[in-house]
Amino acid sequence: MVARSILLRQLRSNITPYSVSLPATRCLATKRSSKLTPSPAGAAPKPTANAPTSQSSPVPEEPKSWLTRKVETSPAARNAFIGLTNLLGYGSDKQVAGRRARGFYEEICAVMPDKERDFWINDCFLPPTFQSWFTVTNLHIWMLTVRLRALPQEHGKPYQQALVDHFFIDIEDRIRTVLQPPAEPTKPYTFDSPFYVKPNVPSPGATLPNGKPKPLGRAPDRIVTQQMKIFKEQWTGMGLSFDVGLVKGDMEMAGAVWRNLLGARGAQGIDYADANPSTTAVYRRAVNLVGGEVVNVAKIDLDKEEVTDDGSGVHDFPPSETDRYLSYPEVMLDVVGYVRRELARLERVSDEDIISGDWRKLAFGRVK
């Protein structure tokens, strides 16, 4: 789904901010403008127009380039230049969709983990990890994609593809920052999120037992590629499961919320506290058998994988925390109601507002 990621990476430095702003207006100071505002009594006299001040001095215009002069004076050169830019795709529907989709992703979807952090961590019991950040962002990517599907075909497909492209480019950039923190802070693709911790970033002044400075974490590209494959499978799986829930009803969607957002906790039963203190608590988690690290499903030891910590922080609650399962029905109801409510609101946003890039009308509300 990231076939154009290389091109987008090259254009990332040339993409302007996507906030809606009015064009700046240039005003030239004139003698007439000084008469419009009378000076208050007792105020110090203002410098006259003949006095050399920085405000009244005209700004020299930049000389036009040879190409600009040629295009403005020669109709043939102008037509050739416009034809060349159209051939390269500048100003095409796909390029415009790519620019505006970044605003949709950065201003609408990627901010939701931080915006509703208390709900995702305290109500859903998601750990403050990058996996949790991806899951929450992926949910909002899906909701916005549902609305973009309803656009006319010539606009819907470019906007959907561009939104997913920006999502995965940002994911790769964040993965490298988590696994391979740079020695000096670098500009992220979008923004730095405080939702998840970066365990590989050493604290200032951290040293090894031998007194040497603690080195930065390093990870080979194959690990980054492997993680990208895992996230691609999760993106596909969540989208399909919520699509089914969108069609079949709230019960199916609640199951999708439990499997994708809540980590399918308790799928093999709830481990209650044992009266025998010598009994060791069973650690269990859900295992994704498709994609990711699982290459051959027939050779995997599922029992062994379920009791192995994968570092995601999402696993069954221990016996001392089984009371947390009591809040799951209410949490699933809150998320399903939130999804239905936001999809209905997005449906009321006109196609013209979306195509014009007005992301403020698409911004998501609060979960509850």
Protein backbone atom coordinates (compact mmCIF):
# COMPACT_ATOMS: atom_id res chain seq x y z
CA MET A 1 0.00 0.00 0.00
CA VAL A 2 3.02 2.26 0.06
CA ALA A 3 4.00 2.15 -3.56
CA ARG A 4 4.43 5.93 -3.69
CA SER A 5 6.25 6.23 -0.38
CA ILE A 6 9.58 6.91 -2.06
CA LEU A 7 8.13 9.83 -4.00
CA LEU A 8 6.39 11.18 -0.92
CA ARG A 9 9.60 10.95 1.08
CA GLN A 10 11.33 13.11 -1.53
CA LEU A 11 8.52 15.64 -1.42
CA ARG A 12 8.18 15.76 2.36
CA SER A 13 10.53 18.72 2.69
CA ASN A 14 8.57 20.69 0.09
CA ILE A 15 5.13 20.13 1.56
CA THR A 16 3.71 23.23 3.18
CA PRO A 17 1.63 23.18 6.38
CA TYR A 18 -1.97 22.19 5.85
CA SER A 19 -3.67 24.55 8.24
CA VAL A 20 -6.24 26.74 6.57
CA SER A 21 -4.93 30.29 6.52
CA LEU A 22 -5.70 33.45 4.65
CA PRO A 23 -3.12 34.79 2.21
CA ALA A 24 -0.97 37.58 3.54
CA THR A 25 -1.82 41.07 2.29
CA ARG A 26 0.95 43.45 1.34
CA CYS A 27 0.36 47.15 2.01
CA LEU A 28 2.54 50.03 0.86
CA ALA A 29 2.86 52.99 3.18
CA THR A 30 1.62 56.23 1.56
CA LYS A 31 1.13 59.79 2.66
CA ARG A 32 -2.61 59.32 2.48
CA SER A 33 -2.56 56.45 4.95
CA SER A 34 -0.89 58.65 7.58
CA LYS A 35 -3.87 61.02 7.51
CA LEU A 36 -6.41 58.30 8.24
CA THR A 37 -5.34 57.90 11.88
CA PRO A 38 -5.07 61.22 13.79
CA SER A 39 -2.38 61.49 16.42
CA PRO A 40 -3.66 61.73 19.99
CA ALA A 41 -3.15 64.93 21.90
CA GLY A 42 0.21 65.24 23.53
CA ALA A 43 1.68 62.39 21.53
CA ALA A 44 5.16 62.68 20.11
CA PRO A 45 5.21 63.77 16.47
CA LYS A 46 5.57 60.91 14.01
CA PRO A 47 8.41 60.93 11.53
CA THR A 48 7.56 62.52 8.22
CA ALA A 49 7.56 60.69 4.94
CA ASN A 50 10.96 62.18 4.11
CA ALA A 51 12.59 60.75 7.22
CA PRO A 52 14.48 57.53 6.54
CA THR A 53 12.69 54.87 8.60
CA SER A 54 12.59 51.11 8.21
CA GLN A 55 8.80 51.14 7.85
CA SER A 56 8.62 53.68 5.04
CA SER A 57 11.59 52.43 3.07
CA PRO A 58 10.37 50.39 0.08
CA VAL A 59 11.32 46.73 -0.08
CA PRO A 60 13.28 46.04 -3.24
CA GLU A 61 11.63 43.53 -5.51
CA GLU A 62 13.51 40.38 -6.35
CA PRO A 63 14.55 40.25 -10.00
CA LYS A 64 12.63 37.80 -12.11
CA SER A 65 14.44 34.75 -13.35
CA TRP A 66 15.12 34.11 -17.01
CA LEU A 67 12.47 31.39 -17.10
CA THR A 68 9.83 33.65 -15.57
CA ARG A 69 10.51 36.43 -18.06
CA LYS A 70 10.46 33.96 -20.95
CA VAL A 71 7.16 32.40 -19.88
CA GLU A 72 5.52 35.80 -19.37
CA THR A 73 6.61 37.23 -22.71
CA SER A 74 6.29 34.19 -24.99
CA PRO A 75 2.92 32.43 -25.37
CA ALA A 76 4.66 29.43 -26.95
CA ALA A 77 7.04 29.11 -23.99
CA ARG A 78 4.11 29.47 -21.60
CA ASN A 79 2.16 26.67 -23.27
CA ALA A 80 5.24 24.45 -23.33
CA PHE A 81 5.92 25.10 -19.64
CA ILE A 82 2.33 24.34 -18.63
CA GLY A 83 2.38 21.18 -20.73
CA LEU A 84 5.60 20.04 -19.06
CA THR A 85 4.24 20.60 -15.54
CA ASN A 86 1.07 18.72 -16.42
CA LEU A 87 3.17 15.88 -17.82
CA LEU A 88 5.13 15.69 -14.55
CA GLY A 89 1.90 15.65 -12.54
CA TYR A 90 2.21 19.02 -10.82
CA GLY A 91 -1.21 20.27 -9.84
CA SER A 92 -2.91 17.02 -10.81
CA ASP A 93 -5.77 15.57 -8.79
CA LYS A 94 -3.48 12.91 -7.31
CA GLN A 95 -0.88 15.43 -6.20
CA VAL A 96 -3.48 17.72 -4.67
CA ALA A 97 -5.00 14.73 -2.88
CA GLY A 98 -1.56 13.78 -1.56
CA ARG A 99 -0.97 17.24 -0.11
CA ARG A 100 -4.39 17.53 1.50
CA ALA A 101 -4.39 13.95 2.78
CA ARG A 102 -1.33 14.74 4.84
CA GLY A 103 -3.31 17.44 6.60
CA PHE A 104 -6.11 14.94 7.20
CA TYR A 105 -3.68 12.45 8.69
CA GLU A 106 -1.61 14.84 10.78
CA GLU A 107 -4.40 17.09 12.06
CA ILE A 108 -7.24 14.56 12.39
CA CYS A 109 -6.02 10.99 12.91
CA ALA A 110 -2.52 11.10 14.40
CA VAL A 111 -3.54 13.45 17.22
CA MET A 112 -6.28 11.21 18.64
CA PRO A 113 -4.07 9.00 20.88
CA ASP A 114 -2.82 12.10 22.70
CA LYS A 115 -6.18 13.86 22.63
CA GLU A 116 -7.99 10.97 24.36
CA ARG A 117 -5.02 9.54 26.25
CA ASP A 118 -6.87 9.13 29.55
CA PHE A 119 -9.57 6.99 27.97
CA TRP A 120 -7.23 4.67 26.07
CA ILE A 121 -4.88 4.13 29.01
CA ASN A 122 -7.19 4.31 32.05
CA ASP A 123 -10.43 2.87 30.60
CA CYS A 124 -9.09 0.49 27.95
CA PHE A 125 -5.98 -0.39 30.00
CA LEU A 126 -3.68 0.05 27.02
CA PRO A 127 -0.01 0.40 27.93
CA PRO A 128 1.81 3.60 26.85
CA THR A 129 3.63 1.86 24.00
CA PHE A 130 4.04 2.54 20.32
CA GLN A 131 1.84 -0.49 19.60
CA SER A 132 -1.03 1.17 21.47
CA TRP A 133 -0.44 4.44 19.62
CA PHE A 134 -0.60 2.60 16.30
CA THR A 135 -3.81 0.79 17.25
CA VAL A 136 -5.67 3.96 18.23
CA THR A 137 -4.45 5.86 15.17
CA ASN A 138 -5.37 2.93 12.94
CA LEU A 139 -8.95 3.04 14.23
CA HIS A 140 -9.31 6.68 13.17
CA ILE A 141 -7.63 5.99 9.84
CA TRP A 142 -10.33 3.41 9.19
CA MET A 143 -13.16 5.78 10.17
CA LEU A 144 -11.87 8.52 7.89
CA THR A 145 -11.34 5.99 5.09
CA VAL A 146 -15.00 4.98 5.34
CA ARG A 147 -15.98 8.57 4.53
CA LEU A 148 -13.42 8.91 1.74
CA ARG A 149 -14.87 5.83 0.03
CA ALA A 150 -18.08 7.77 -0.53
CA LEU A 151 -16.30 10.44 -2.59
CA PRO A 152 -16.55 10.30 -6.37
CA GLN A 153 -14.21 7.67 -7.74
CA GLU A 154 -11.80 10.18 -9.29
CA HIS A 155 -11.28 11.70 -5.82
CA GLY A 156 -11.97 8.82 -3.45
CA LYS A 157 -9.18 6.48 -4.52
CA PRO A 158 -6.38 9.13 -4.55
CA TYR A 159 -7.40 10.42 -1.12
CA GLN A 160 -7.57 6.92 0.39
CA GLN A 161 -4.21 5.91 -1.07
CA ALA A 162 -2.53 9.14 0.01
CA LEU A 163 -3.91 8.86 3.54
CA VAL A 164 -2.53 5.33 3.93
CA ASP A 165 0.79 6.38 2.38
CA HIS A 166 1.26 9.19 4.90
CA PHE A 167 0.25 6.83 7.70
CA PHE A 168 2.89 4.23 6.88
CA ILE A 169 5.61 6.78 6.13
CA ASP A 170 5.01 8.22 9.57
CA ILE A 171 4.97 4.72 11.08
CA GLU A 172 8.36 3.90 9.58
CA ASP A 173 9.78 7.19 10.80
CA ARG A 174 8.52 6.55 14.33
CA ILE A 175 9.77 2.95 14.34
CA ARG A 176 13.26 4.11 13.48
CA THR A 177 13.08 6.77 16.18
CA VAL A 178 12.04 4.19 18.78
CA LEU A 179 14.52 1.48 17.76
CA GLN A 180 17.33 3.74 16.57
CA PRO A 181 17.13 7.04 18.48
CA PRO A 182 19.38 9.64 16.83
CA ALA A 183 22.24 11.21 18.74
CA GLU A 184 20.69 14.63 18.20
CA PRO A 185 16.95 15.38 17.93
CA THR A 186 15.75 15.36 14.33
CA LYS A 187 12.60 16.76 12.79
CA PRO A 188 9.93 14.03 12.69
CA TYR A 189 7.73 13.38 9.68
CA THR A 190 4.72 14.80 11.56
CA PHE A 191 5.25 15.46 15.27
CA ASP A 192 6.61 13.81 18.38
CA SER A 193 3.94 12.13 20.50
CA PRO A 194 4.19 11.88 24.30
CA PHE A 195 1.72 8.98 24.27
CA TYR A 196 4.38 6.26 24.21
CA VAL A 197 7.77 5.95 25.86
CA LYS A 198 11.05 5.48 24.00
CA PRO A 199 13.00 2.92 26.03
CA ASN A 200 16.09 3.06 23.82
CA VAL A 201 16.70 6.76 24.39
CA PRO A 202 19.29 7.03 27.19
CA SER A 203 18.72 9.61 29.86
CA PRO A 204 21.17 12.53 29.99
CA GLY A 205 24.37 11.47 31.67
CA ALA A 206 23.52 7.74 31.60
CA THR A 207 26.60 5.55 31.83
CA LEU A 208 27.48 1.86 31.72
CA PRO A 209 28.87 -0.01 34.76
CA ASN A 210 32.38 0.66 33.45
CA GLY A 211 31.74 4.41 33.47
CA LYS A 212 31.47 4.86 29.71
CA PRO A 213 28.51 6.76 28.21
CA LYS A 214 25.56 4.54 27.44
CA PRO A 215 25.41 4.01 23.66
CA LEU A 216 22.32 4.66 21.60
CA GLY A 217 20.15 1.75 20.56
CA ARG A 218 20.71 0.28 17.12
CA ALA A 219 18.53 -2.02 15.10
CA PRO A 220 19.17 -3.49 11.65
CA ASP A 221 16.86 -2.62 8.79
CA ARG A 222 15.47 -6.15 8.74
CA ILE A 223 13.85 -5.51 12.13
CA VAL A 224 12.29 -2.30 10.82
CA THR A 225 11.04 -4.18 7.76
CA GLN A 226 9.64 -6.93 9.96
CA GLN A 227 7.79 -4.44 12.14
CA MET A 228 6.38 -2.71 9.07
CA LYS A 229 5.05 -6.07 7.88
CA ILE A 230 3.41 -6.68 11.26
CA PHE A 231 1.75 -3.26 11.24
CA LYS A 232 0.56 -3.78 7.67
CA GLU A 233 -1.15 -7.00 8.74
CA GLN A 234 -2.73 -5.24 11.71
CA TRP A 235 -3.93 -2.40 9.49
CA THR A 236 -5.54 -4.89 7.11
CA GLY A 237 -7.05 -7.00 9.87
CA MET A 238 -8.59 -4.09 11.74
CA GLY A 239 -10.03 -2.62 8.57
CA LEU A 240 -11.67 -5.89 7.53
CA SER A 241 -13.05 -6.66 10.99
CA PHE A 242 -14.58 -3.20 11.39
CA ASP A 243 -15.98 -3.33 7.86
CA VAL A 244 -17.81 -6.51 8.82
CA GLY A 245 -19.04 -4.88 12.01
CA LEU A 246 -20.22 -1.87 10.05
CA VAL A 247 -22.44 -4.13 7.95
CA LYS A 248 -23.57 -6.79 10.43
CA GLY A 249 -24.28 -4.64 13.47
CA ASP A 250 -23.06 -3.44 16.83
CA MET A 251 -22.51 -6.92 18.27
CA GLU A 252 -20.02 -7.75 15.53
CA MET A 253 -18.36 -4.36 15.89
CA ALA A 254 -18.04 -4.85 19.65
CA GLY A 255 -16.20 -8.08 18.91
CA ALA A 256 -13.88 -6.18 16.58
CA VAL A 257 -13.21 -3.66 19.35
CA TRP A 258 -12.42 -6.46 21.80
CA ARG A 259 -10.06 -8.26 19.42
CA ASN A 260 -8.24 -5.24 17.99
CA LEU A 261 -8.30 -2.52 20.64
CA LEU A 262 -8.53 -4.55 23.84
CA GLY A 263 -6.09 -7.26 22.76
CA ALA A 264 -8.64 -10.11 23.03
CA ARG A 265 -7.94 -10.30 26.75
CA GLY A 266 -9.64 -13.28 28.38
CA ALA A 267 -10.07 -15.22 25.14
CA GLN A 268 -8.90 -18.45 26.83
CA GLY A 269 -10.79 -17.78 30.04
CA ILE A 270 -10.20 -15.69 33.13
CA ASP A 271 -7.46 -16.75 35.52
CA TYR A 272 -8.91 -16.27 39.00
CA ALA A 273 -6.87 -16.19 42.17
CA ASP A 274 -6.00 -19.63 43.53
CA ALA A 275 -6.25 -20.46 47.20
CA ASN A 276 -2.97 -22.35 46.90
CA PRO A 277 -0.21 -19.71 47.16
CA SER A 278 2.31 -21.99 45.47
CA THR A 279 0.42 -21.88 42.19
CA THR A 280 2.16 -19.75 39.58
CA ALA A 281 -0.05 -17.30 37.70
CA VAL A 282 -0.44 -18.11 34.02
CA TYR A 283 0.71 -15.39 31.64
CA ARG A 284 -1.31 -15.48 28.43
CA ARG A 285 -1.67 -13.24 25.42
CA ALA A 286 -3.35 -13.37 22.02
CA VAL A 287 -1.17 -14.53 19.12
CA ASN A 288 -1.61 -13.33 15.55
CA LEU A 289 -1.13 -16.39 13.36
CA VAL A 290 -1.19 -14.47 10.08
CA GLY A 291 1.73 -12.25 9.09
CA GLY A 292 4.39 -10.77 11.31
CA GLU A 293 6.78 -13.20 12.95
CA VAL A 294 4.75 -16.33 12.21
CA VAL A 295 6.07 -17.86 8.99
CA ASN A 296 4.72 -21.40 9.20
CA VAL A 297 1.55 -21.78 11.26
CA ALA A 298 1.86 -25.58 11.30
CA LYS A 299 5.20 -25.44 13.12
CA ILE A 300 4.27 -22.89 15.77
CA ASP A 301 3.84 -23.97 19.40
CA LEU A 302 0.75 -21.94 20.26
CA ASP A 303 0.83 -22.77 23.98
CA LYS A 304 4.42 -21.61 24.20
CA GLU A 305 3.75 -18.42 22.24
CA GLU A 306 0.75 -17.50 24.39
CA VAL A 307 2.85 -17.45 27.56
CA THR A 308 5.75 -15.52 25.97
CA ASP A 309 5.92 -11.79 26.53
CA ASP A 310 6.09 -10.03 23.16
CA GLY A 311 6.76 -6.62 24.70
CA SER A 312 3.44 -5.11 23.57
CA GLY A 313 2.10 -4.86 27.11
CA VAL A 314 -1.28 -6.29 26.05
CA HIS A 315 -2.01 -9.63 27.73
CA ASP A 316 -4.55 -11.24 30.05
CA PHE A 317 -4.98 -9.63 33.42
CA PRO A 318 -3.35 -11.45 36.34
CA PRO A 319 -5.56 -12.88 39.10
CA SER A 320 -5.08 -9.74 41.19
CA GLU A 321 -6.60 -7.59 38.40
CA THR A 322 -9.48 -9.76 37.18
CA ASP A 323 -11.95 -7.08 38.32
CA ARG A 324 -10.90 -5.03 35.30
CA TYR A 325 -12.86 -7.38 33.06
CA LEU A 326 -16.06 -6.02 34.63
CA SER A 327 -15.62 -2.71 32.81
CA TYR A 328 -15.10 -4.30 29.38
CA PRO A 329 -18.78 -4.36 28.30
CA GLU A 330 -19.10 -0.66 29.10
CA VAL A 331 -15.83 0.15 27.31
CA MET A 332 -16.92 -1.75 24.20
CA LEU A 333 -20.26 0.08 24.29
CA ASP A 334 -18.46 3.43 24.52
CA VAL A 335 -16.17 2.67 21.57
CA VAL A 336 -18.96 1.28 19.38
CA GLY A 337 -21.14 4.30 20.13
CA TYR A 338 -18.21 6.59 19.38
CA VAL A 339 -17.56 4.92 16.03
CA ARG A 340 -21.22 5.03 14.99
CA ARG A 341 -21.60 8.64 16.09
CA GLU A 342 -18.49 9.84 14.26
CA LEU A 343 -19.34 7.96 11.08
CA ALA A 344 -22.78 9.59 11.06
CA ARG A 345 -21.18 13.01 11.57
CA LEU A 346 -18.64 12.45 8.79
CA GLU A 347 -21.47 11.47 6.48
CA ARG A 348 -22.96 14.94 6.91
CA VAL A 349 -19.75 16.63 5.74
CA SER A 350 -20.14 17.52 2.07
CA ASP A 351 -17.81 16.22 -0.63
CA GLU A 352 -16.91 19.79 -1.55
CA ASP A 353 -15.62 20.52 1.96
CA ILE A 354 -13.46 17.40 1.91
CA ILE A 355 -12.04 18.00 -1.56
CA SER A 356 -11.28 21.62 -0.66
CA GLY A 357 -9.09 20.38 2.20
CA ASP A 358 -11.11 21.84 5.09
CA TRP A 359 -9.95 19.32 7.70
CA ARG A 360 -11.57 21.17 10.62
CA LYS A 361 -14.98 19.86 9.63
CA LEU A 362 -13.60 16.31 9.70
CA ALA A 363 -11.96 16.54 13.14
CA PHE A 364 -13.05 13.79 15.54
CA GLY A 365 -14.82 14.51 18.81
CA ARG A 366 -14.42 12.96 22.24
CA VAL A 367 -15.05 9.29 22.87
CA LYS A 368 -17.46 9.95 25.70
